[in-house]
C-alpha cells in the first residue's frame, strides 16, 4: 500500500486490534440497544394507556432517560471507531491504478488527486464499488471510473473548497426512485439474503463523510447507475 501514500500512516499496525475491539463493542451495544428499545417502547405504551396525566409523565420521563442512555452508547461507539482511523494523504489516481482490473475503463481527468483519508477504508470503498458496478452490468461489462476536480458548490458539500470527484458508472438496469432513496441505508440490499452482498453503500457514504466529503447516486431504471464520492483535496496537494 506504500505506493499510494504520500506520507507515512502512524497507526498501520493497529487495524486488526481495532477491528476486534469494534466487533466486541458493537455486539455489546447491540444487546444494550435491544434492552433500551424494549424499556422505551414499554414506557411509551404505558403512557398512552393510563388515564392520569401525572402517571403518563412518569412513564414518558423514564422513556427519555433510557433514550439518553442510548445516545451515550452511540457516542462510545463513534469514539472507538474514530480512534481506529489513520487518515493520511493518498494519491487516488495511484490507488485506482493499483486496483485497476483490465475490465475497468479509467478516465482520470482530475489535475489534482491527493486526498486525506484512511487508506484501508478508501481502498475497500472503491474496490467494492467497482465490483458492484461490474456485477450490475450485462455480461459483467466494464464499468467506468472517472475523476475530476470540482468546487464545494458544484458537489453540494458543506465547505466551499476544492474536491476530488470520483464516479463509478455501470451499464446495468439502474434503480427505481424508491431503491435509490434507500440505497445508502444501513444493511439495505436488493440482493438475495444468501448472495454475495459486497460492500454496503452505507459504508461507502461513511468513508466519504469521514474524509470530510459527500456521496451521491444518480440512477434511472434502465439507464445504469453512477455512484459518486466527492472528497476534499489534501491541503498540501
Protein backbone atom coordinates (compact mmCIF):
# COMPACT_ATOMS: atom_id res chain seq x y z
CA UNK A 1 0.00 0.00 0.00
CA UNK A 2 3.01 2.30 0.36
CA UNK A 3 2.89 3.14 -3.35
CA UNK A 4 -0.37 5.12 -2.93
CA UNK A 5 0.62 7.05 0.21
CA UNK A 6 2.27 10.45 0.12
CA UNK A 7 3.06 10.31 3.85
CA UNK A 8 3.52 7.63 6.49
CA UNK A 9 0.45 6.27 8.27
CA UNK A 10 1.26 6.33 12.02
CA UNK A 11 -1.07 3.52 13.09
CA UNK A 12 -0.65 0.96 10.33
CA UNK A 13 -0.25 -1.93 12.82
CA UNK A 14 -3.43 -1.13 14.73
CA UNK A 15 -6.31 -2.19 12.37
CA UNK A 16 -6.66 -5.87 13.43
CA UNK A 17 -6.86 -4.86 17.09
CA UNK A 18 -9.32 -2.10 16.26
CA UNK A 19 -11.50 -4.44 14.22
CA UNK A 20 -11.65 -6.93 17.09
CA UNK A 21 -12.40 -4.21 19.62
CA UNK A 22 -15.13 -2.64 17.48
CA UNK A 23 -16.65 -6.05 16.87
CA UNK A 24 -16.85 -6.78 20.57
CA UNK A 25 -18.11 -3.29 21.39
CA UNK A 26 -20.67 -3.40 18.58
CA UNK A 27 -22.08 -6.69 19.86
CA UNK A 28 -22.41 -5.34 23.38
CA UNK A 29 -24.02 -2.12 22.17
CA UNK A 30 -26.50 -4.05 20.01
CA UNK A 31 -27.51 -6.04 23.10
CA UNK A 32 -27.81 -2.87 25.18
CA UNK A 33 -29.86 -1.16 22.47
CA UNK A 34 -32.34 -4.02 22.44
CA UNK A 35 -32.85 -3.50 26.16
CA UNK A 36 -33.14 0.27 25.73
CA UNK A 37 -35.71 -0.02 22.96
CA UNK A 38 -37.75 -2.53 24.96
CA UNK A 39 -37.88 -0.25 28.00
CA UNK A 40 -38.61 2.87 25.94
CA UNK A 41 -41.36 1.15 23.96
CA UNK A 42 -43.00 -0.25 27.09
CA UNK A 43 -42.86 3.15 28.80
CA UNK A 44 -44.46 4.93 25.84
CA UNK A 45 -47.17 2.27 25.55
CA UNK A 46 -47.98 2.58 29.27
CA UNK A 47 -48.09 6.38 28.99
CA UNK A 48 -50.65 6.05 26.20
CA UNK A 49 -52.80 3.65 28.20
CA UNK A 50 -53.03 5.38 31.58
CA UNK A 51 -55.70 7.99 32.00
CA UNK A 52 -53.84 10.04 34.61
CA UNK A 53 -51.56 12.70 33.03
CA UNK A 54 -49.25 12.66 36.05
CA UNK A 55 -48.67 8.91 35.73
CA UNK A 56 -48.22 9.26 31.96
CA UNK A 57 -45.50 11.84 32.56
CA UNK A 58 -43.66 9.40 34.82
CA UNK A 59 -43.61 6.78 32.06
CA UNK A 60 -42.51 9.33 29.45
CA UNK A 61 -39.74 10.59 31.72
CA UNK A 62 -38.48 7.01 32.02
CA UNK A 63 -38.54 6.65 28.22
CA UNK A 64 -36.48 9.84 27.84
CA UNK A 65 -33.99 8.57 30.41
CA UNK A 66 -33.27 5.33 28.55
CA UNK A 67 -33.14 7.10 25.18
CA UNK A 68 -30.47 9.42 26.62
CA UNK A 69 -28.54 6.30 27.62
CA UNK A 70 -28.79 5.14 24.03
CA UNK A 71 -27.17 8.38 22.89
CA UNK A 72 -24.29 7.72 25.28
CA UNK A 73 -23.80 4.28 23.75
CA UNK A 74 -23.67 5.65 20.22
CA UNK A 75 -21.14 8.27 21.35
CA UNK A 76 -18.97 5.49 22.75
CA UNK A 77 -19.10 3.55 19.52
CA UNK A 78 -18.33 6.63 17.44
CA UNK A 79 -15.36 7.48 19.66
CA UNK A 80 -13.98 3.95 19.40
CA UNK A 81 -14.38 3.98 15.63
CA UNK A 82 -12.68 7.36 15.31
CA UNK A 83 -9.74 6.16 17.41
CA UNK A 84 -9.12 3.36 14.90
CA UNK A 85 -8.82 5.71 11.93
CA UNK A 86 -5.41 6.51 10.46
CA UNK A 87 -6.01 9.20 7.82
CA UNK A 88 -3.07 10.08 5.58
CA UNK A 89 -2.54 11.82 2.24
CA UNK A 90 -3.42 9.39 -0.56
CA UNK A 91 -2.89 9.68 -4.30
CA UNK A 92 -6.25 8.39 -5.51
CA UNK A 93 -5.03 8.02 -9.10
CA UNK A 94 -2.29 5.71 -7.85
CA UNK A 95 -4.86 3.82 -5.78
CA UNK A 96 -7.14 3.38 -8.81
CA UNK A 97 -4.18 2.16 -10.87
CA UNK A 98 -3.35 -0.37 -8.16
CA UNK A 99 -6.96 -1.56 -8.04
CA UNK A 100 -7.48 -1.33 -11.78
CA UNK A 101 -8.51 -4.58 -13.36
CA UNK A 102 -8.24 -4.98 -17.12
CA UNK A 103 -12.00 -4.65 -17.44
CA UNK A 104 -12.29 -1.21 -15.82
CA UNK A 105 -12.31 1.86 -18.09
CA UNK A 106 -10.47 4.62 -16.22
CA UNK A 107 -10.83 8.24 -17.30
CA UNK A 108 -8.75 10.15 -14.77
CA UNK A 109 -9.27 13.77 -15.66
CA UNK A 110 -8.54 15.39 -12.30
CA UNK A 111 -5.47 17.62 -12.29
CA UNK A 112 -5.07 17.09 -8.52
CA UNK A 113 -5.79 13.71 -6.96
CA UNK A 114 -4.38 13.71 -3.42
CA UNK A 115 -6.91 13.49 -0.60
CA UNK A 116 -6.70 12.76 3.11
CA UNK A 117 -8.42 9.57 4.23
CA UNK A 118 -7.81 6.22 5.88
CA UNK A 119 -6.30 4.17 3.02
CA UNK A 120 -7.94 0.93 4.20
CA UNK A 121 -11.42 2.44 4.15
CA UNK A 122 -11.00 4.25 0.83
CA UNK A 123 -9.48 1.26 -0.94
CA UNK A 124 -12.27 -1.00 0.32
CA UNK A 125 -14.91 1.50 -0.77
CA UNK A 126 -13.53 1.88 -4.30
CA UNK A 127 -12.90 -1.84 -4.74
CA UNK A 128 -16.42 -2.60 -3.56
CA UNK A 129 -17.99 -0.03 -5.88
CA UNK A 130 -16.04 -1.37 -8.86
CA UNK A 131 -17.12 -4.91 -8.01
CA UNK A 132 -20.75 -3.86 -7.58
CA UNK A 133 -20.69 -1.98 -10.90
CA UNK A 134 -19.20 -4.99 -12.66
CA UNK A 135 -21.84 -7.31 -11.20
CA UNK A 136 -24.66 -4.94 -12.19
CA UNK A 137 -23.56 -4.62 -15.82
CA UNK A 138 -24.82 -7.04 -18.50
CA UNK A 139 -22.28 -9.82 -19.12
CA UNK A 140 -20.13 -8.14 -16.44
CA UNK A 141 -19.33 -5.37 -18.92
CA UNK A 142 -16.52 -2.99 -17.97
CA UNK A 143 -17.59 -0.29 -15.50
CA UNK A 144 -16.17 3.21 -15.90
CA UNK A 145 -14.34 5.16 -13.19
CA UNK A 146 -13.71 8.86 -13.73
CA UNK A 147 -12.14 11.66 -11.70
CA UNK A 148 -12.34 15.43 -11.87
CA UNK A 149 -11.85 18.40 -9.61
CA UNK A 150 -14.82 20.49 -8.50
CA UNK A 151 -15.77 23.17 -6.03
CA UNK A 152 -17.82 22.55 -2.91
CA UNK A 153 -20.74 24.37 -4.51
CA UNK A 154 -20.68 22.01 -7.51
CA UNK A 155 -20.81 18.88 -5.35
CA UNK A 156 -23.23 20.40 -2.81
CA UNK A 157 -20.77 19.94 0.02
CA UNK A 158 -20.82 21.78 3.33
CA UNK A 159 -17.48 23.53 2.80
CA UNK A 160 -16.57 25.63 -0.23
CA UNK A 161 -13.17 24.17 -1.08
CA UNK A 162 -11.77 22.10 -3.92
CA UNK A 163 -12.77 18.45 -4.11
CA UNK A 164 -11.73 15.33 -5.95
CA UNK A 165 -14.82 13.79 -7.52
CA UNK A 166 -14.65 10.02 -8.13
CA UNK A 167 -17.52 8.49 -10.13
CA UNK A 168 -18.09 4.79 -10.81
CA UNK A 169 -20.65 4.04 -13.52
CA UNK A 170 -22.22 0.75 -14.59
CA UNK A 171 -24.36 -0.15 -17.59
CA UNK A 172 -26.90 -2.16 -15.63
CA UNK A 173 -30.64 -1.91 -15.21
CA UNK A 174 -30.46 1.10 -12.94
CA UNK A 175 -32.55 1.78 -9.84
CA UNK A 176 -36.09 2.86 -9.24
CA UNK A 177 -36.58 6.06 -7.26
CA UNK A 178 -37.57 4.03 -4.22
CA UNK A 179 -34.43 1.89 -4.36
CA UNK A 180 -32.17 4.88 -4.97
CA UNK A 181 -33.63 6.68 -1.95
CA UNK A 182 -32.90 3.66 0.26
CA UNK A 183 -29.53 2.71 -1.20
CA UNK A 184 -27.39 4.44 1.44
CA UNK A 185 -29.37 2.98 4.36
CA UNK A 186 -27.51 0.65 6.67
CA UNK A 187 -27.87 -3.05 5.67
CA UNK A 188 -30.03 -2.22 2.65
CA UNK A 189 -29.55 -4.56 -0.31
CA UNK A 190 -31.54 -5.65 -3.35
CA UNK A 191 -29.71 -8.97 -3.44
CA UNK A 192 -30.92 -12.25 -2.07
CA UNK A 193 -30.05 -12.92 1.54
CA UNK A 194 -27.58 -15.65 0.67
CA UNK A 195 -25.99 -13.80 -2.27
CA UNK A 196 -22.61 -12.07 -2.20
CA UNK A 197 -23.71 -8.68 -0.91
CA UNK A 198 -20.33 -6.95 -1.32
CA UNK A 199 -19.63 -3.69 0.43
CA UNK A 200 -22.67 -1.77 1.59
CA UNK A 201 -23.28 1.69 0.17
CA UNK A 202 -23.82 2.92 3.72
CA UNK A 203 -20.15 2.16 4.39
CA UNK A 204 -19.13 3.94 1.19
CA UNK A 205 -21.06 7.03 2.26
CA UNK A 206 -19.47 6.86 5.72
CA UNK A 207 -15.98 6.64 4.17
CA UNK A 208 -16.67 9.87 2.26
CA UNK A 209 -18.09 11.51 5.39
CA UNK A 210 -15.06 10.58 7.50
CA UNK A 211 -12.83 12.22 4.89
CA UNK A 212 -14.95 15.39 5.01
CA UNK A 213 -16.78 14.63 1.78
CA UNK A 214 -20.11 13.51 0.43
CA UNK A 215 -21.51 10.62 -1.60
CA UNK A 216 -24.40 10.56 -4.05
CA UNK A 217 -26.19 8.28 -6.52
CA UNK A 218 -27.58 9.05 -9.95
CA UNK A 219 -29.70 6.33 -11.50
CA UNK A 220 -32.80 5.69 -13.54
CA UNK A 221 -34.44 2.39 -14.27
CA UNK A 222 -33.00 1.01 -17.49
CA UNK A 223 -30.16 3.56 -17.69
CA UNK A 224 -27.45 2.31 -15.33
CA UNK A 225 -26.13 3.80 -12.11
CA UNK A 226 -23.36 6.23 -11.14
CA UNK A 227 -22.08 6.38 -7.55
CA UNK A 228 -20.03 9.49 -6.82
CA UNK A 229 -17.67 10.31 -3.97
CA UNK A 230 -16.54 13.92 -3.52
CA UNK A 231 -13.60 14.21 -1.10
CA UNK A 232 -11.71 17.38 -0.19
CA UNK A 233 -8.23 17.67 -1.67
CA UNK A 234 -5.41 17.45 0.86
CA UNK A 235 -4.28 20.95 1.80
CA UNK A 236 -0.76 20.28 0.60
CA UNK A 237 -1.94 18.76 -2.68
